Amino acid sequence: MAAAAAEHELAARLRIAAARRGWGVFRDRRPDLYGVLLEPTPDRLLARQAA
């Protein structure tokens, strides 16, 4: 029984890994680092740097 569960777990992990490889650039994105890109205007960017 445990061997069947381990085999199922391995198969699931392999499917997930294959799907992640197909995601390309989105695979390892870090949205927490995108803060500056989310600023709406250059004026706000300059004000943030001056502060």
PDB file of N, CA and C in Angstrom:
ATOM      1  N   MET A   1       0.827  -1.199   0.000  1.00  0.00           N
ATOM      2  CA  MET A   1       0.000   0.000   0.000  1.00  0.00           C
ATOM      3  C   MET A   1       0.868   1.260   0.000  1.00  0.00           C
ATOM      4  N   ALA A   2       1.903   1.295   0.831  1.00  0.00           N
ATOM      5  CA  ALA A   2       2.775   2.463   0.912  1.00  0.00           C
ATOM      6  C   ALA A   2       3.526   2.669  -0.401  1.00  0.00           C
ATOM      7  N   ALA A   3       3.888   1.565  -1.054  1.00  0.00           N
ATOM      8  CA  ALA A   3       4.606   1.683  -2.325  1.00  0.00           C
ATOM      9  C   ALA A   3       3.716   2.315  -3.386  1.00  0.00           C
ATOM     10  N   ALA A   4       2.436   1.973  -3.384  1.00  0.00           N
ATOM     11  CA  ALA A   4       1.503   2.544  -4.358  1.00  0.00           C
ATOM     12  C   ALA A   4       1.333   4.042  -4.108  1.00  0.00           C
ATOM     13  N   ALA A   5       1.260   4.426  -2.839  1.00  0.00           N
ATOM     14  CA  ALA A   5       1.129   5.839  -2.503  1.00  0.00           C
ATOM     15  C   ALA A   5       2.378   6.603  -2.915  1.00  0.00           C
ATOM     16  N   ALA A   6       3.546   6.030  -2.680  1.00  0.00           N
ATOM     17  CA  ALA A   6       4.798   6.684  -3.058  1.00  0.00           C
ATOM     18  C   ALA A   6       4.897   6.821  -4.573  1.00  0.00           C
ATOM     19  N   GLU A   7       4.447   5.808  -5.293  1.00  0.00           N
ATOM     20  CA  GLU A   7       4.481   5.855  -6.756  1.00  0.00           C
ATOM     21  C   GLU A   7       3.529   6.933  -7.277  1.00  0.00           C
ATOM     22  N   HIS A   8       2.371   7.032  -6.671  1.00  0.00           N
ATOM     23  CA  HIS A   8       1.402   8.065  -7.049  1.00  0.00           C
ATOM     24  C   HIS A   8       1.972   9.458  -6.764  1.00  0.00           C
ATOM     25  N   GLU A   9       2.611   9.610  -5.614  1.00  0.00           N
ATOM     26  CA  GLU A   9       3.227  10.896  -5.237  1.00  0.00           C
ATOM     27  C   GLU A   9       4.306  11.296  -6.242  1.00  0.00           C
ATOM     28  N   LEU A  10       5.144  10.359  -6.623  1.00  0.00           N
ATOM     29  CA  LEU A  10       6.209  10.637  -7.589  1.00  0.00           C
ATOM     30  C   LEU A  10       5.622  11.032  -8.940  1.00  0.00           C
ATOM     31  N   ALA A  11       4.605  10.321  -9.385  1.00  0.00           N
ATOM     32  CA  ALA A  11       3.976  10.641 -10.672  1.00  0.00           C
ATOM     33  C   ALA A  11       3.376  12.044 -10.637  1.00  0.00           C
ATOM     34  N   ALA A  12       2.737  12.395  -9.525  1.00  0.00           N
ATOM     35  CA  ALA A  12       2.149  13.732  -9.390  1.00  0.00           C
ATOM     36  C   ALA A  12       3.235  14.800  -9.430  1.00  0.00           C
ATOM     37  N   ARG A  13       4.324  14.570  -8.723  1.00  0.00           N
ATOM     38  CA  ARG A  13       5.422  15.546  -8.722  1.00  0.00           C
ATOM     39  C   ARG A  13       6.024  15.718 -10.112  1.00  0.00           C
ATOM     40  N   LEU A  14       6.134  14.641 -10.855  1.00  0.00           N
ATOM     41  CA  LEU A  14       6.678  14.731 -12.211  1.00  0.00           C
ATOM     42  C   LEU A  14       5.746  15.510 -13.130  1.00  0.00           C
ATOM     43  N   ARG A  15       4.435  15.301 -12.986  1.00  0.00           N
ATOM     44  CA  ARG A  15       3.469  16.055 -13.793  1.00  0.00           C
ATOM     45  C   ARG A  15       3.528  17.540 -13.456  1.00  0.00           C
ATOM     46  N   ILE A  16       3.637  17.850 -12.185  1.00  0.00           N
ATOM     47  CA  ILE A  16       3.713  19.253 -11.759  1.00  0.00           C
ATOM     48  C   ILE A  16       4.995  19.896 -12.289  1.00  0.00           C
ATOM     49  N   ALA A  17       6.103  19.190 -12.187  1.00  0.00           N
ATOM     50  CA  ALA A  17       7.377  19.719 -12.678  1.00  0.00           C
ATOM     51  C   ALA A  17       7.315  19.977 -14.185  1.00  0.00           C
ATOM     52  N   ALA A  18       6.693  19.070 -14.933  1.00  0.00           N
ATOM     53  CA  ALA A  18       6.570  19.250 -16.383  1.00  0.00           C
ATOM     54  C   ALA A  18       5.693  20.466 -16.691  1.00  0.00           C
ATOM     55  N   ALA A  19       4.621  20.640 -15.953  1.00  0.00           N
ATOM     56  CA  ALA A  19       3.742  21.790 -16.169  1.00  0.00           C
ATOM     57  C   ALA A  19       4.485  23.091 -15.862  1.00  0.00           C
ATOM     58  N   ARG A  20       5.259  23.118 -14.777  1.00  0.00           N
ATOM     59  CA  ARG A  20       6.002  24.332 -14.412  1.00  0.00           C
ATOM     60  C   ARG A  20       7.037  24.690 -15.469  1.00  0.00           C
ATOM     61  N   ARG A  21       7.675  23.712 -16.055  1.00  0.00           N
ATOM     62  CA  ARG A  21       8.654  23.998 -17.118  1.00  0.00           C
ATOM     63  C   ARG A  21       7.975  24.668 -18.307  1.00  0.00           C
ATOM     64  N   GLY A  22       6.732  24.332 -18.570  1.00  0.00           N
ATOM     65  CA  GLY A  22       6.001  24.914 -19.679  1.00  0.00           C
ATOM     66  C   GLY A  22       5.549  26.338 -19.426  1.00  0.00           C
ATOM     67  N   TRP A  23       5.592  26.804 -18.192  1.00  0.00           N
ATOM     68  CA  TRP A  23       5.141  28.150 -17.864  1.00  0.00           C
ATOM     69  C   TRP A  23       6.137  29.223 -18.301  1.00  0.00           C
ATOM     70  N   GLY A  24       7.350  28.849 -18.562  1.00  0.00           N
ATOM     71  CA  GLY A  24       8.358  29.806 -19.014  1.00  0.00           C
ATOM     72  C   GLY A  24       8.661  30.869 -17.985  1.00  0.00           C
ATOM     73  N   VAL A  25       8.568  32.122 -18.409  1.00  0.00           N
ATOM     74  CA  VAL A  25       8.970  33.245 -17.570  1.00  0.00           C
ATOM     75  C   VAL A  25       8.128  33.346 -16.296  1.00  0.00           C
ATOM     76  N   PHE A  26       6.901  32.869 -16.311  1.00  0.00           N
ATOM     77  CA  PHE A  26       6.038  32.976 -15.144  1.00  0.00           C
ATOM     78  C   PHE A  26       6.351  31.925 -14.080  1.00  0.00           C
ATOM     79  N   ARG A  27       7.185  30.986 -14.409  1.00  0.00           N
ATOM     80  CA  ARG A  27       7.495  29.871 -13.512  1.00  0.00           C
ATOM     81  C   ARG A  27       8.060  30.354 -12.179  1.00  0.00           C
ATOM     82  N   ASP A  28       9.007  31.258 -12.202  1.00  0.00           N
ATOM     83  CA  ASP A  28       9.697  31.672 -10.983  1.00  0.00           C
ATOM     84  C   ASP A  28       9.514  33.159 -10.695  1.00  0.00           C
ATOM     85  N   ARG A  29       8.368  33.683 -11.034  1.00  0.00           N
ATOM     86  CA  ARG A  29       8.174  35.122 -10.841  1.00  0.00           C
ATOM     87  C   ARG A  29       8.129  35.476  -9.360  1.00  0.00           C
ATOM     88  N   ARG A  30       8.499  36.697  -9.047  1.00  0.00           N
ATOM     89  CA  ARG A  30       8.534  37.197  -7.670  1.00  0.00           C
ATOM     90  C   ARG A  30       7.728  38.482  -7.596  1.00  0.00           C
ATOM     91  N   PRO A  31       6.402  38.404  -7.475  1.00  0.00           N
ATOM     92  CA  PRO A  31       5.585  39.614  -7.474  1.00  0.00           C
ATOM     93  C   PRO A  31       5.932  40.581  -6.349  1.00  0.00           C
ATOM     94  N   ASP A  32       6.543  40.096  -5.284  1.00  0.00           N
ATOM     95  CA  ASP A  32       6.926  40.994  -4.194  1.00  0.00           C
ATOM     96  C   ASP A  32       8.031  41.970  -4.623  1.00  0.00           C
ATOM     97  N   LEU A  33       8.710  41.678  -5.723  1.00  0.00           N
ATOM     98  CA  LEU A  33       9.773  42.561  -6.215  1.00  0.00           C
ATOM     99  C   LEU A  33       9.279  43.536  -7.279  1.00  0.00           C
ATOM    100  N   TYR A  34       8.004  43.502  -7.601  1.00  0.00           N
ATOM    101  CA  TYR A  34       7.460  44.329  -8.675  1.00  0.00           C
ATOM    102  C   TYR A  34       6.916  45.665  -8.194  1.00  0.00           C
ATOM    103  N   GLY A  35       7.127  46.029  -6.966  1.00  0.00           N
ATOM    104  CA  GLY A  35       6.548  47.241  -6.408  1.00  0.00           C
ATOM    105  C   GLY A  35       6.777  48.478  -7.246  1.00  0.00           C
ATOM    106  N   VAL A  36       7.989  48.703  -7.708  1.00  0.00           N
ATOM    107  CA  VAL A  36       8.310  49.893  -8.495  1.00  0.00           C
ATOM    108  C   VAL A  36       7.549  49.863  -9.822  1.00  0.00           C
ATOM    109  N   LEU A  37       7.369  48.715 -10.395  1.00  0.00           N
ATOM    110  CA  LEU A  37       6.660  48.616 -11.665  1.00  0.00           C
ATOM    111  C   LEU A  37       5.175  48.938 -11.522  1.00  0.00           C
ATOM    112  N   LEU A  38       4.663  48.835 -10.321  1.00  0.00           N
ATOM    113  CA  LEU A  38       3.244  49.088 -10.096  1.00  0.00           C
ATOM    114  C   LEU A  38       2.940  50.547  -9.804  1.00  0.00           C
ATOM    115  N   GLU A  39       3.968  51.375  -9.667  1.00  0.00           N
ATOM    116  CA  GLU A  39       3.747  52.803  -9.446  1.00  0.00           C
ATOM    117  C   GLU A  39       3.087  53.383 -10.694  1.00  0.00           C
ATOM    118  N   PRO A  40       2.042  54.206 -10.539  1.00  0.00           N
ATOM    119  CA  PRO A  40       1.277  54.662 -11.702  1.00  0.00           C
ATOM    120  C   PRO A  40       1.946  55.735 -12.554  1.00  0.00           C
ATOM    121  N   THR A  41       2.824  56.581 -11.983  1.00  0.00           N
ATOM    122  CA  THR A  41       3.406  57.666 -12.785  1.00  0.00           C
ATOM    123  C   THR A  41       4.879  57.849 -12.451  1.00  0.00           C
ATOM    124  N   PRO A  42       5.649  58.421 -13.382  1.00  0.00           N
ATOM    125  CA  PRO A  42       7.060  58.714 -13.102  1.00  0.00           C
ATOM    126  C   PRO A  42       7.215  59.710 -11.939  1.00  0.00           C
ATOM    127  N   ASP A  43       6.259  60.623 -11.784  1.00  0.00           N
ATOM    128  CA  ASP A  43       6.331  61.590 -10.686  1.00  0.00           C
ATOM    129  C   ASP A  43       6.350  60.880  -9.334  1.00  0.00           C
ATOM    130  N   ARG A  44       5.539  59.864  -9.202  1.00  0.00           N
ATOM    131  CA  ARG A  44       5.517  59.124  -7.951  1.00  0.00           C
ATOM    132  C   ARG A  44       6.820  58.371  -7.730  1.00  0.00           C
ATOM    133  N   LEU A  45       7.400  57.880  -8.803  1.00  0.00           N
ATOM    134  CA  LEU A  45       8.694  57.187  -8.680  1.00  0.00           C
ATOM    135  C   LEU A  45       9.759  58.156  -8.163  1.00  0.00           C
ATOM    136  N   LEU A  46       9.806  59.369  -8.738  1.00  0.00           N
ATOM    137  CA  LEU A  46      10.793  60.360  -8.309  1.00  0.00           C
ATOM    138  C   LEU A  46      10.549  60.793  -6.870  1.00  0.00           C
ATOM    139  N   ALA A  47       9.289  60.962  -6.495  1.00  0.00           N
ATOM    140  CA  ALA A  47       8.966  61.354  -5.127  1.00  0.00           C
ATOM    141  C   ALA A  47       9.369  60.264  -4.150  1.00  0.00           C
ATOM    142  N   ARG A  48       9.211  59.042  -4.548  1.00  0.00           N
ATOM    143  CA  ARG A  48       9.584  57.918  -3.670  1.00  0.00           C
ATOM    144  C   ARG A  48      11.099  57.864  -3.470  1.00  0.00           C
ATOM    145  N   GLN A  49      11.852  58.128  -4.544  1.00  0.00           N
ATOM    146  CA  GLN A  49      13.315  58.110  -4.451  1.00  0.00           C
ATOM    147  C   GLN A  49      13.828  59.268  -3.610  1.00  0.00           C
ATOM    148  N   ALA A  50      13.167  60.405  -3.665  1.00  0.00           N
ATOM    149  CA  ALA A  50      13.599  61.580  -2.908  1.00  0.00           C
ATOM    150  C   ALA A  50      13.329  61.427  -1.407  1.00  0.00           C
ATOM    151  N   ALA A  51      12.369  60.625  -1.064  1.00  0.00           N
ATOM    152  CA  ALA A  51      11.988  60.465   0.357  1.00  0.00           C
ATOM    153  C   ALA A  51      12.957  59.639   1.138  1.00  0.00           C
TER     154      ALA A  51
END
